[in-house]
ModelCIF file with pLDDT and N, C-alpha, C, O atoms, coordinates in Angstrom:
data_MODEL
#
_entry.id   MODEL 
#
_entity.id                         1 
_entity.type                       polymer 
_entity.pdbx_number_of_molecules   1 
#
_entity_poly.entity_id                      1 
_entity_poly.type                           'polypeptide(L)' 
_entity_poly.nstd_linkage                   no 
_entity_poly.nstd_monomer                   no 
_entity_poly.pdbx_seq_one_letter_code       AITSGGSRNYADSVKGRFTISRDNAKNTVYLQMNSLRTEDTAVYYCN 
_entity_poly.pdbx_seq_one_letter_code_can   AITSGGSRNYADSVKGRFTISRDNAKNTVYLQMNSLRTEDTAVYYCN 
_entity_poly.pdbx_strand_id                 A 
#
loop_
_entity_poly_seq.entity_id 
_entity_poly_seq.num 
_entity_poly_seq.mon_id 
_entity_poly_seq.hetero 
1 1  ALA n 
1 2  ILE n 
1 3  THR n 
1 4  SER n 
1 5  GLY n 
1 6  GLY n 
1 7  SER n 
1 8  ARG n 
1 9  ASN n 
1 10 TYR n 
1 11 ALA n 
1 12 ASP n 
1 13 SER n 
1 14 VAL n 
1 15 LYS n 
1 16 GLY n 
1 17 ARG n 
1 18 PHE n 
1 19 THR n 
1 20 ILE n 
1 21 SER n 
1 22 ARG n 
1 23 ASP n 
1 24 ASN n 
1 25 ALA n 
1 26 LYS n 
1 27 ASN n 
1 28 THR n 
1 29 VAL n 
1 30 TYR n 
1 31 LEU n 
1 32 GLN n 
1 33 MET n 
1 34 ASN n 
1 35 SER n 
1 36 LEU n 
1 37 ARG n 
1 38 THR n 
1 39 GLU n 
1 40 ASP n 
1 41 THR n 
1 42 ALA n 
1 43 VAL n 
1 44 TYR n 
1 45 TYR n 
1 46 CYS n 
1 47 ASN n 
#
_struct_asym.id          A 
_struct_asym.entity_id   1 
#
loop_
_ma_qa_metric.id 
_ma_qa_metric.mode 
_ma_qa_metric.name 
_ma_qa_metric.software_group_id 
_ma_qa_metric.type 
1 global pLDDT . pLDDT 
2 local  pLDDT . pLDDT 
#
_ma_qa_metric_global.metric_id      1 
_ma_qa_metric_global.metric_value   95.96 
_ma_qa_metric_global.model_id       1 
_ma_qa_metric_global.ordinal_id     1 
#
loop_
_ma_qa_metric_local.label_asym_id 
_ma_qa_metric_local.label_comp_id 
_ma_qa_metric_local.label_seq_id 
_ma_qa_metric_local.metric_id 
_ma_qa_metric_local.metric_value 
_ma_qa_metric_local.model_id 
_ma_qa_metric_local.ordinal_id 
A ALA 1  2 97.00 1 1  
A ILE 2  2 96.00 1 2  
A THR 3  2 93.00 1 3  
A SER 4  2 87.00 1 4  
A GLY 5  2 88.00 1 5  
A GLY 6  2 91.00 1 6  
A SER 7  2 96.00 1 7  
A ARG 8  2 98.00 1 8  
A ASN 9  2 98.00 1 9  
A TYR 10 2 98.00 1 10 
A ALA 11 2 98.00 1 11 
A ASP 12 2 98.00 1 12 
A SER 13 2 97.00 1 13 
A VAL 14 2 98.00 1 14 
A LYS 15 2 98.00 1 15 
A GLY 16 2 98.00 1 16 
A ARG 17 2 98.00 1 17 
A PHE 18 2 98.00 1 18 
A THR 19 2 98.00 1 19 
A ILE 20 2 98.00 1 20 
A SER 21 2 96.00 1 21 
A ARG 22 2 94.00 1 22 
A ASP 23 2 92.00 1 23 
A ASN 24 2 87.00 1 24 
A ALA 25 2 89.00 1 25 
A LYS 26 2 91.00 1 26 
A ASN 27 2 91.00 1 27 
A THR 28 2 94.00 1 28 
A VAL 29 2 96.00 1 29 
A TYR 30 2 97.00 1 30 
A LEU 31 2 98.00 1 31 
A GLN 32 2 98.00 1 32 
A MET 33 2 98.00 1 33 
A ASN 34 2 98.00 1 34 
A SER 35 2 98.00 1 35 
A LEU 36 2 98.00 1 36 
A ARG 37 2 98.00 1 37 
A THR 38 2 98.00 1 38 
A GLU 39 2 97.00 1 39 
A ASP 40 2 98.00 1 40 
A THR 41 2 98.00 1 41 
A ALA 42 2 98.00 1 42 
A VAL 43 2 98.00 1 43 
A TYR 44 2 98.00 1 44 
A TYR 45 2 98.00 1 45 
A CYS 46 2 97.00 1 46 
A ASN 47 2 96.00 1 47 
#
loop_
_atom_site.group_PDB 
_atom_site.id 
_atom_site.type_symbol 
_atom_site.label_atom_id 
_atom_site.label_alt_id 
_atom_site.label_comp_id 
_atom_site.label_asym_id 
_atom_site.label_entity_id 
_atom_site.label_seq_id 
_atom_site.pdbx_PDB_ins_code 
_atom_site.Cartn_x 
_atom_site.Cartn_y 
_atom_site.Cartn_z 
_atom_site.occupancy 
_atom_site.B_iso_or_equiv 
_atom_site.pdbx_formal_charge 
_atom_site.auth_seq_id 
_atom_site.auth_comp_id 
_atom_site.auth_asym_id 
_atom_site.auth_atom_id 
_atom_site.pdbx_PDB_model_num 
ATOM 1   N N  . ALA A 1 1  ? -55.805 84.941 -18.602 1.00 97.00 ? 1  ALA A N  1 
ATOM 2   C CA . ALA A 1 1  ? -56.150 85.146 -17.206 1.00 97.00 ? 1  ALA A CA 1 
ATOM 3   C C  . ALA A 1 1  ? -55.769 86.557 -16.800 1.00 97.00 ? 1  ALA A C  1 
ATOM 4   O O  . ALA A 1 1  ? -54.878 87.170 -17.386 1.00 97.00 ? 1  ALA A O  1 
ATOM 5   N N  . ILE A 1 2  ? -56.455 87.059 -15.792 1.00 96.00 ? 2  ILE A N  1 
ATOM 6   C CA . ILE A 1 2  ? -56.189 88.392 -15.287 1.00 96.00 ? 2  ILE A CA 1 
ATOM 7   C C  . ILE A 1 2  ? -56.360 88.392 -13.778 1.00 96.00 ? 2  ILE A C  1 
ATOM 8   O O  . ILE A 1 2  ? -57.330 87.843 -13.256 1.00 96.00 ? 2  ILE A O  1 
ATOM 9   N N  . THR A 1 3  ? -55.423 89.003 -13.085 1.00 93.00 ? 3  THR A N  1 
ATOM 10  C CA . THR A 1 3  ? -55.492 89.091 -11.637 1.00 93.00 ? 3  THR A CA 1 
ATOM 11  C C  . THR A 1 3  ? -56.304 90.306 -11.223 1.00 93.00 ? 3  THR A C  1 
ATOM 12  O O  . THR A 1 3  ? -56.657 91.150 -12.047 1.00 93.00 ? 3  THR A O  1 
ATOM 13  N N  . SER A 1 4  ? -56.592 90.378 -9.931  1.00 87.00 ? 4  SER A N  1 
ATOM 14  C CA . SER A 1 4  ? -57.329 91.524 -9.416  1.00 87.00 ? 4  SER A CA 1 
ATOM 15  C C  . SER A 1 4  ? -56.563 92.821 -9.601  1.00 87.00 ? 4  SER A C  1 
ATOM 16  O O  . SER A 1 4  ? -57.160 93.896 -9.657  1.00 87.00 ? 4  SER A O  1 
ATOM 17  N N  . GLY A 1 5  ? -55.240 92.725 -9.698  1.00 88.00 ? 5  GLY A N  1 
ATOM 18  C CA . GLY A 1 5  ? -54.412 93.895 -9.919  1.00 88.00 ? 5  GLY A CA 1 
ATOM 19  C C  . GLY A 1 5  ? -54.240 94.282 -11.369 1.00 88.00 ? 5  GLY A C  1 
ATOM 20  O O  . GLY A 1 5  ? -53.621 95.303 -11.670 1.00 88.00 ? 5  GLY A O  1 
ATOM 21  N N  . GLY A 1 6  ? -54.783 93.479 -12.277 1.00 91.00 ? 6  GLY A N  1 
ATOM 22  C CA . GLY A 1 6  ? -54.740 93.813 -13.687 1.00 91.00 ? 6  GLY A CA 1 
ATOM 23  C C  . GLY A 1 6  ? -53.644 93.147 -14.486 1.00 91.00 ? 6  GLY A C  1 
ATOM 24  O O  . GLY A 1 6  ? -53.505 93.428 -15.676 1.00 91.00 ? 6  GLY A O  1 
ATOM 25  N N  . SER A 1 7  ? -52.859 92.276 -13.877 1.00 96.00 ? 7  SER A N  1 
ATOM 26  C CA . SER A 1 7  ? -51.840 91.552 -14.621 1.00 96.00 ? 7  SER A CA 1 
ATOM 27  C C  . SER A 1 7  ? -52.495 90.527 -15.538 1.00 96.00 ? 7  SER A C  1 
ATOM 28  O O  . SER A 1 7  ? -53.408 89.812 -15.125 1.00 96.00 ? 7  SER A O  1 
ATOM 29  N N  . ARG A 1 8  ? -52.033 90.457 -16.770 1.00 98.00 ? 8  ARG A N  1 
ATOM 30  C CA . ARG A 1 8  ? -52.637 89.584 -17.770 1.00 98.00 ? 8  ARG A CA 1 
ATOM 31  C C  . ARG A 1 8  ? -51.658 88.546 -18.270 1.00 98.00 ? 8  ARG A C  1 
ATOM 32  O O  . ARG A 1 8  ? -50.452 88.779 -18.337 1.00 98.00 ? 8  ARG A O  1 
ATOM 33  N N  . ASN A 1 9  ? -52.201 87.404 -18.616 1.00 98.00 ? 9  ASN A N  1 
ATOM 34  C CA . ASN A 1 9  ? -51.423 86.320 -19.183 1.00 98.00 ? 9  ASN A CA 1 
ATOM 35  C C  . ASN A 1 9  ? -52.224 85.695 -20.312 1.00 98.00 ? 9  ASN A C  1 
ATOM 36  O O  . ASN A 1 9  ? -53.406 85.391 -20.145 1.00 98.00 ? 9  ASN A O  1 
ATOM 37  N N  . TYR A 1 10 ? -51.583 85.500 -21.465 1.00 98.00 ? 10 TYR A N  1 
ATOM 38  C CA . TYR A 1 10 ? -52.238 84.953 -22.639 1.00 98.00 ? 10 TYR A CA 1 
ATOM 39  C C  . TYR A 1 10 ? -51.484 83.753 -23.171 1.00 98.00 ? 10 TYR A C  1 
ATOM 40  O O  . TYR A 1 10 ? -50.258 83.682 -23.086 1.00 98.00 ? 10 TYR A O  1 
ATOM 41  N N  . ALA A 1 11 ? -52.229 82.817 -23.719 1.00 98.00 ? 11 ALA A N  1 
ATOM 42  C CA . ALA A 1 11 ? -51.601 81.765 -24.491 1.00 98.00 ? 11 ALA A CA 1 
ATOM 43  C C  . ALA A 1 11 ? -50.973 82.368 -25.741 1.00 98.00 ? 11 ALA A C  1 
ATOM 44  O O  . ALA A 1 11 ? -51.504 83.318 -26.316 1.00 98.00 ? 11 ALA A O  1 
ATOM 45  N N  . ASP A 1 12 ? -49.849 81.816 -26.152 1.00 98.00 ? 12 ASP A N  1 
ATOM 46  C CA . ASP A 1 12 ? -49.168 82.350 -27.330 1.00 98.00 ? 12 ASP A CA 1 
ATOM 47  C C  . ASP A 1 12 ? -50.069 82.329 -28.565 1.00 98.00 ? 12 ASP A C  1 
ATOM 48  O O  . ASP A 1 12 ? -49.970 83.212 -29.418 1.00 98.00 ? 12 ASP A O  1 
ATOM 49  N N  . SER A 1 13 ? -50.928 81.350 -28.665 1.00 97.00 ? 13 SER A N  1 
ATOM 50  C CA . SER A 1 13 ? -51.766 81.197 -29.840 1.00 97.00 ? 13 SER A CA 1 
ATOM 51  C C  . SER A 1 13 ? -52.831 82.277 -29.975 1.00 97.00 ? 13 SER A C  1 
ATOM 52  O O  . SER A 1 13 ? -53.378 82.469 -31.061 1.00 97.00 ? 13 SER A O  1 
ATOM 53  N N  . VAL A 1 14 ? -53.132 82.982 -28.894 1.00 98.00 ? 14 VAL A N  1 
ATOM 54  C CA . VAL A 1 14 ? -54.181 83.998 -28.946 1.00 98.00 ? 14 VAL A CA 1 
ATOM 55  C C  . VAL A 1 14 ? -53.651 85.401 -28.725 1.00 98.00 ? 14 VAL A C  1 
ATOM 56  O O  . VAL A 1 14 ? -54.394 86.372 -28.870 1.00 98.00 ? 14 VAL A O  1 
ATOM 57  N N  . LYS A 1 15 ? -52.399 85.522 -28.383 1.00 98.00 ? 15 LYS A N  1 
ATOM 58  C CA . LYS A 1 15 ? -51.821 86.829 -28.095 1.00 98.00 ? 15 LYS A CA 1 
ATOM 59  C C  . LYS A 1 15 ? -51.935 87.738 -29.313 1.00 98.00 ? 15 LYS A C  1 
ATOM 60  O O  . LYS A 1 15 ? -51.587 87.351 -30.429 1.00 98.00 ? 15 LYS A O  1 
ATOM 61  N N  . GLY A 1 16 ? -52.422 88.935 -29.085 1.00 98.00 ? 16 GLY A N  1 
ATOM 62  C CA . GLY A 1 16 ? -52.629 89.884 -30.165 1.00 98.00 ? 16 GLY A CA 1 
ATOM 63  C C  . GLY A 1 16 ? -53.995 89.810 -30.795 1.00 98.00 ? 16 GLY A C  1 
ATOM 64  O O  . GLY A 1 16 ? -54.385 90.719 -31.527 1.00 98.00 ? 16 GLY A O  1 
ATOM 65  N N  . ARG A 1 17 ? -54.732 88.752 -30.531 1.00 98.00 ? 17 ARG A N  1 
ATOM 66  C CA . ARG A 1 17 ? -56.071 88.584 -31.087 1.00 98.00 ? 17 ARG A CA 1 
ATOM 67  C C  . ARG A 1 17 ? -57.153 88.667 -30.011 1.00 98.00 ? 17 ARG A C  1 
ATOM 68  O O  . ARG A 1 17 ? -58.240 89.194 -30.250 1.00 98.00 ? 17 ARG A O  1 
ATOM 69  N N  . PHE A 1 18 ? -56.847 88.146 -28.835 1.00 98.00 ? 18 PHE A N  1 
ATOM 70  C CA . PHE A 1 18 ? -57.804 88.132 -27.738 1.00 98.00 ? 18 PHE A CA 1 
ATOM 71  C C  . PHE A 1 18 ? -57.399 89.157 -26.689 1.00 98.00 ? 18 PHE A C  1 
ATOM 72  O O  . PHE A 1 18 ? -56.214 89.435 -26.499 1.00 98.00 ? 18 PHE A O  1 
ATOM 73  N N  . THR A 1 19 ? -58.383 89.707 -26.022 1.00 98.00 ? 19 THR A N  1 
ATOM 74  C CA . THR A 1 19 ? -58.146 90.641 -24.932 1.00 98.00 ? 19 THR A CA 1 
ATOM 75  C C  . THR A 1 19 ? -59.008 90.262 -23.746 1.00 98.00 ? 19 THR A C  1 
ATOM 76  O O  . THR A 1 19 ? -60.226 90.133 -23.867 1.00 98.00 ? 19 THR A O  1 
ATOM 77  N N  . ILE A 1 20 ? -58.373 90.087 -22.602 1.00 98.00 ? 20 ILE A N  1 
ATOM 78  C CA . ILE A 1 20 ? -59.113 89.787 -21.390 1.00 98.00 ? 20 ILE A CA 1 
ATOM 79  C C  . ILE A 1 20 ? -59.202 91.046 -20.532 1.00 98.00 ? 20 ILE A C  1 
ATOM 80  O O  . ILE A 1 20 ? -58.257 91.832 -20.459 1.00 98.00 ? 20 ILE A O  1 
ATOM 81  N N  . SER A 1 21 ? -60.332 91.221 -19.897 1.00 96.00 ? 21 SER A N  1 
ATOM 82  C CA . SER A 1 21 ? -60.534 92.352 -19.006 1.00 96.00 ? 21 SER A CA 1 
ATOM 83  C C  . SER A 1 21 ? -61.479 91.935 -17.893 1.00 96.00 ? 21 SER A C  1 
ATOM 84  O O  . SER A 1 21 ? -62.131 90.895 -17.977 1.00 96.00 ? 21 SER A O  1 
ATOM 85  N N  . ARG A 1 22 ? -61.547 92.746 -16.859 1.00 94.00 ? 22 ARG A N  1 
ATOM 86  C CA . ARG A 1 22 ? -62.460 92.430 -15.758 1.00 94.00 ? 22 ARG A CA 1 
ATOM 87  C C  . ARG A 1 22 ? -63.023 93.701 -15.156 1.00 94.00 ? 22 ARG A C  1 
ATOM 88  O O  . ARG A 1 22 ? -62.395 94.759 -15.170 1.00 94.00 ? 22 ARG A O  1 
ATOM 89  N N  . ASP A 1 23 ? -64.204 93.562 -14.638 1.00 92.00 ? 23 ASP A N  1 
ATOM 90  C CA . ASP A 1 23 ? -64.869 94.626 -13.909 1.00 92.00 ? 23 ASP A CA 1 
ATOM 91  C C  . ASP A 1 23 ? -64.992 94.131 -12.481 1.00 92.00 ? 23 ASP A C  1 
ATOM 92  O O  . ASP A 1 23 ? -65.860 93.313 -12.174 1.00 92.00 ? 23 ASP A O  1 
ATOM 93  N N  . ASN A 1 24 ? -64.138 94.617 -11.619 1.00 87.00 ? 24 ASN A N  1 
ATOM 94  C CA . ASN A 1 24 ? -64.116 94.126 -10.246 1.00 87.00 ? 24 ASN A CA 1 
ATOM 95  C C  . ASN A 1 24 ? -65.402 94.451 -9.487  1.00 87.00 ? 24 ASN A C  1 
ATOM 96  O O  . ASN A 1 24 ? -65.832 93.680 -8.629  1.00 87.00 ? 24 ASN A O  1 
ATOM 97  N N  . ALA A 1 25 ? -66.009 95.587 -9.802  1.00 89.00 ? 25 ALA A N  1 
ATOM 98  C CA . ALA A 1 25 ? -67.253 95.952 -9.142  1.00 89.00 ? 25 ALA A CA 1 
ATOM 99  C C  . ALA A 1 25 ? -68.372 94.976 -9.473  1.00 89.00 ? 25 ALA A C  1 
ATOM 100 O O  . ALA A 1 25 ? -69.246 94.721 -8.644  1.00 89.00 ? 25 ALA A O  1 
ATOM 101 N N  . LYS A 1 26 ? -68.345 94.435 -10.677 1.00 91.00 ? 26 LYS A N  1 
ATOM 102 C CA . LYS A 1 26 ? -69.358 93.480 -11.117 1.00 91.00 ? 26 LYS A CA 1 
ATOM 103 C C  . LYS A 1 26 ? -68.903 92.035 -10.985 1.00 91.00 ? 26 LYS A C  1 
ATOM 104 O O  . LYS A 1 26 ? -69.664 91.111 -11.275 1.00 91.00 ? 26 LYS A O  1 
ATOM 105 N N  . ASN A 1 27 ? -67.667 91.839 -10.549 1.00 91.00 ? 27 ASN A N  1 
ATOM 106 C CA . ASN A 1 27 ? -67.097 90.495 -10.456 1.00 91.00 ? 27 ASN A CA 1 
ATOM 107 C C  . ASN A 1 27 ? -67.263 89.734 -11.768 1.00 91.00 ? 27 ASN A C  1 
ATOM 108 O O  . ASN A 1 27 ? -67.651 88.566 -11.787 1.00 91.00 ? 27 ASN A O  1 
ATOM 109 N N  . THR A 1 28 ? -66.963 90.414 -12.843 1.00 94.00 ? 28 THR A N  1 
ATOM 110 C CA . THR A 1 28 ? -67.164 89.870 -14.171 1.00 94.00 ? 28 THR A CA 1 
ATOM 111 C C  . THR A 1 28 ? -65.870 89.935 -14.970 1.00 94.00 ? 28 THR A C  1 
ATOM 112 O O  . THR A 1 28 ? -65.140 90.925 -14.917 1.00 94.00 ? 28 THR A O  1 
ATOM 113 N N  . VAL A 1 29 ? -65.603 88.878 -15.701 1.00 96.00 ? 29 VAL A N  1 
ATOM 114 C CA . VAL A 1 29 ? -64.449 88.830 -16.586 1.00 96.00 ? 29 VAL A CA 1 
ATOM 115 C C  . VAL A 1 29 ? -64.944 88.683 -18.016 1.00 96.00 ? 29 VAL A C  1 
ATOM 116 O O  . VAL A 1 29 ? -65.932 87.997 -18.278 1.00 96.00 ? 29 VAL A O  1 
ATOM 117 N N  . TYR A 1 30 ? -64.247 89.334 -18.933 1.00 97.00 ? 30 TYR A N  1 
ATOM 118 C CA . TYR A 1 30 ? -64.623 89.328 -20.332 1.00 97.00 ? 30 TYR A CA 1 
ATOM 119 C C  . TYR A 1 30 ? -63.466 88.814 -21.178 1.00 97.00 ? 30 TYR A C  1 
ATOM 120 O O  . TYR A 1 30 ? -62.297 88.958 -20.819 1.00 97.00 ? 30 TYR A O  1 
ATOM 121 N N  . LEU A 1 31 ? -63.813 88.224 -22.287 1.00 98.00 ? 31 LEU A N  1 
ATOM 122 C CA . LEU A 1 31 ? -62.815 87.825 -23.265 1.00 98.00 ? 31 LEU A CA 1 
ATOM 123 C C  . LEU A 1 31 ? -63.288 88.281 -24.639 1.00 98.00 ? 31 LEU A C  1 
ATOM 124 O O  . LEU A 1 31 ? -64.229 87.723 -25.204 1.00 98.00 ? 31 LEU A O  1 
ATOM 125 N N  . GLN A 1 32 ? -62.625 89.297 -25.162 1.00 98.00 ? 32 GLN A N  1 
ATOM 126 C CA . GLN A 1 32 ? -62.901 89.769 -26.508 1.00 98.00 ? 32 GLN A CA 1 
ATOM 127 C C  . GLN A 1 32 ? -62.039 88.977 -27.468 1.00 98.00 ? 32 GLN A C  1 
ATOM 128 O O  . GLN A 1 32 ? -60.811 89.020 -27.385 1.00 98.00 ? 32 GLN A O  1 
ATOM 129 N N  . MET A 1 33 ? -62.668 88.261 -28.371 1.00 98.00 ? 33 MET A N  1 
ATOM 130 C CA . MET A 1 33 ? -61.967 87.393 -29.303 1.00 98.00 ? 33 MET A CA 1 
ATOM 131 C C  . MET A 1 33 ? -62.143 87.939 -30.712 1.00 98.00 ? 33 MET A C  1 
ATOM 132 O O  . MET A 1 33 ? -63.251 87.961 -31.247 1.00 98.00 ? 33 MET A O  1 
ATOM 133 N N  . ASN A 1 34 ? -61.049 88.374 -31.302 1.00 98.00 ? 34 ASN A N  1 
ATOM 134 C CA . ASN A 1 34 ? -61.043 88.900 -32.655 1.00 98.00 ? 34 ASN A CA 1 
ATOM 135 C C  . ASN A 1 34 ? -60.221 88.005 -33.563 1.00 98.00 ? 34 ASN A C  1 
ATOM 136 O O  . ASN A 1 34 ? -59.439 87.174 -33.101 1.00 98.00 ? 34 ASN A O  1 
ATOM 137 N N  . SER A 1 35 ? -60.408 88.186 -34.858 1.00 98.00 ? 35 SER A N  1 
ATOM 138 C CA . SER A 1 35 ? -59.665 87.418 -35.858 1.00 98.00 ? 35 SER A CA 1 
ATOM 139 C C  . SER A 1 35 ? -59.707 85.928 -35.560 1.00 98.00 ? 35 SER A C  1 
ATOM 140 O O  . SER A 1 35 ? -58.678 85.253 -35.572 1.00 98.00 ? 35 SER A O  1 
ATOM 141 N N  . LEU A 1 36 ? -60.881 85.431 -35.297 1.00 98.00 ? 36 LEU A N  1 
ATOM 142 C CA . LEU A 1 36 ? -61.032 84.040 -34.898 1.00 98.00 ? 36 LEU A CA 1 
ATOM 143 C C  . LEU A 1 36 ? -60.646 83.087 -36.020 1.00 98.00 ? 36 LEU A C  1 
ATOM 144 O O  . LEU A 1 36 ? -60.894 83.344 -37.198 1.00 98.00 ? 36 LEU A O  1 
ATOM 145 N N  . ARG A 1 37 ? -60.040 81.992 -35.623 1.00 98.00 ? 37 ARG A N  1 
ATOM 146 C CA . ARG A 1 37 ? -59.602 80.947 -36.535 1.00 98.00 ? 37 ARG A CA 1 
ATOM 147 C C  . ARG A 1 37 ? -60.330 79.654 -36.231 1.00 98.00 ? 37 ARG A C  1 
ATOM 148 O O  . ARG A 1 37 ? -60.875 79.474 -35.141 1.00 98.00 ? 37 ARG A O  1 
ATOM 149 N N  . THR A 1 38 ? -60.335 78.753 -37.205 1.00 98.00 ? 38 THR A N  1 
ATOM 150 C CA . THR A 1 38 ? -61.007 77.481 -36.996 1.00 98.00 ? 38 THR A CA 1 
ATOM 151 C C  . THR A 1 38 ? -60.403 76.723 -35.820 1.00 98.00 ? 38 THR A C  1 
ATOM 152 O O  . THR A 1 38 ? -61.109 76.000 -35.118 1.00 98.00 ? 38 THR A O  1 
ATOM 153 N N  . GLU A 1 39 ? -59.115 76.883 -35.607 1.00 97.00 ? 39 GLU A N  1 
ATOM 154 C CA . GLU A 1 39 ? -58.469 76.185 -34.503 1.00 97.00 ? 39 GLU A CA 1 
ATOM 155 C C  . GLU A 1 39 ? -58.831 76.749 -33.133 1.00 97.00 ? 39 GLU A C  1 
ATOM 156 O O  . GLU A 1 39 ? -58.457 76.179 -32.108 1.00 97.00 ? 39 GLU A O  1 
ATOM 157 N N  . ASP A 1 40 ? -59.554 77.861 -33.109 1.00 98.00 ? 40 ASP A N  1 
ATOM 158 C CA . ASP A 1 40 ? -60.065 78.380 -31.853 1.00 98.00 ? 40 ASP A CA 1 
ATOM 159 C C  . ASP A 1 40 ? -61.330 77.659 -31.400 1.00 98.00 ? 40 ASP A C  1 
ATOM 160 O O  . ASP A 1 40 ? -61.815 77.883 -30.290 1.00 98.00 ? 40 ASP A O  1 
ATOM 161 N N  . THR A 1 41 ? -61.854 76.808 -32.247 1.00 98.00 ? 41 THR A N  1 
ATOM 162 C CA . THR A 1 41 ? -63.058 76.063 -31.910 1.00 98.00 ? 41 THR A CA 1 
ATOM 163 C C  . THR A 1 41 ? -62.809 75.179 -30.692 1.00 98.00 ? 41 THR A C  1 
ATOM 164 O O  . THR A 1 41 ? -61.890 74.359 -30.684 1.00 98.00 ? 41 THR A O  1 
ATOM 165 N N  . ALA A 1 42 ? -63.625 75.353 -29.679 1.00 98.00 ? 42 ALA A N  1 
ATOM 166 C CA . ALA A 1 42 ? -63.468 74.606 -28.433 1.00 98.00 ? 42 ALA A CA 1 
ATOM 167 C C  . ALA A 1 42 ? -64.605 74.969 -27.495 1.00 98.00 ? 42 ALA A C  1 
ATOM 168 O O  . ALA A 1 42 ? -65.382 75.888 -27.756 1.00 98.00 ? 42 ALA A O  1 
ATOM 169 N N  . VAL A 1 43 ? -64.687 74.235 -26.407 1.00 98.00 ? 43 VAL A N  1 
ATOM 170 C CA . VAL A 1 43 ? -65.528 74.640 -25.299 1.00 98.00 ? 43 VAL A CA 1 
ATOM 171 C C  . VAL A 1 43 ? -64.691 75.542 -24.405 1.00 98.00 ? 43 VAL A C  1 
ATOM 172 O O  . VAL A 1 43 ? -63.603 75.164 -23.972 1.00 98.00 ? 43 VAL A O  1 
ATOM 173 N N  . TYR A 1 44 ? -65.197 76.716 -24.137 1.00 98.00 ? 44 TYR A N  1 
ATOM 174 C CA . TYR A 1 44 ? -64.490 77.687 -23.323 1.00 98.00 ? 44 TYR A CA 1 
ATOM 175 C C  . TYR A 1 44 ? -65.071 77.701 -21.916 1.00 98.00 ? 44 TYR A C  1 
ATOM 176 O O  . TYR A 1 44 ? -66.285 77.785 -21.731 1.00 98.00 ? 44 TYR A O  1 
ATOM 177 N N  . TYR A 1 45 ? -64.191 77.617 -20.935 1.00 98.00 ? 45 TYR A N  1 
ATOM 178 C CA . TYR A 1 45 ? -64.594 77.539 -19.540 1.00 98.00 ? 45 TYR A CA 1 
ATOM 179 C C  . TYR A 1 45 ? -64.111 78.761 -18.773 1.00 98.00 ? 45 TYR A C  1 
ATOM 180 O O  . TYR A 1 45 ? -62.934 79.118 -18.824 1.00 98.00 ? 45 TYR A O  1 
ATOM 181 N N  . CYS A 1 46 ? -65.016 79.381 -18.078 1.00 97.00 ? 46 CYS A N  1 
ATOM 182 C CA . CYS A 1 46 ? -64.646 80.452 -17.168 1.00 97.00 ? 46 CYS A CA 1 
ATOM 183 C C  . CYS A 1 46 ? -63.968 79.854 -15.941 1.00 97.00 ? 46 CYS A C  1 
ATOM 184 O O  . CYS A 1 46 ? -64.380 78.806 -15.442 1.00 97.00 ? 46 CYS A O  1 
ATOM 185 N N  . ASN A 1 47 ? -62.945 80.517 -15.468 1.00 96.00 ? 47 ASN A N  1 
ATOM 186 C CA . ASN A 1 47 ? -62.188 80.045 -14.320 1.00 96.00 ? 47 ASN A CA 1 
ATOM 187 C C  . ASN A 1 47 ? -61.975 81.177 -13.330 1.00 96.00 ? 47 ASN A C  1 
ATOM 188 O O  . ASN A 1 47 ? -61.352 80.976 -12.287 1.00 96.00 ? 47 ASN A O  1 
#
């Protein structure tokens, strides 16, 4: 998760592999997922 001020919070299982960012002008949030593992398989929901 990321706040409007840029503070980020990650689950321990993805820290160092995933990066969250946002473009406030576009009201868009991104999740860059690298080094994916089979246990990352899931339905991902934007919040």
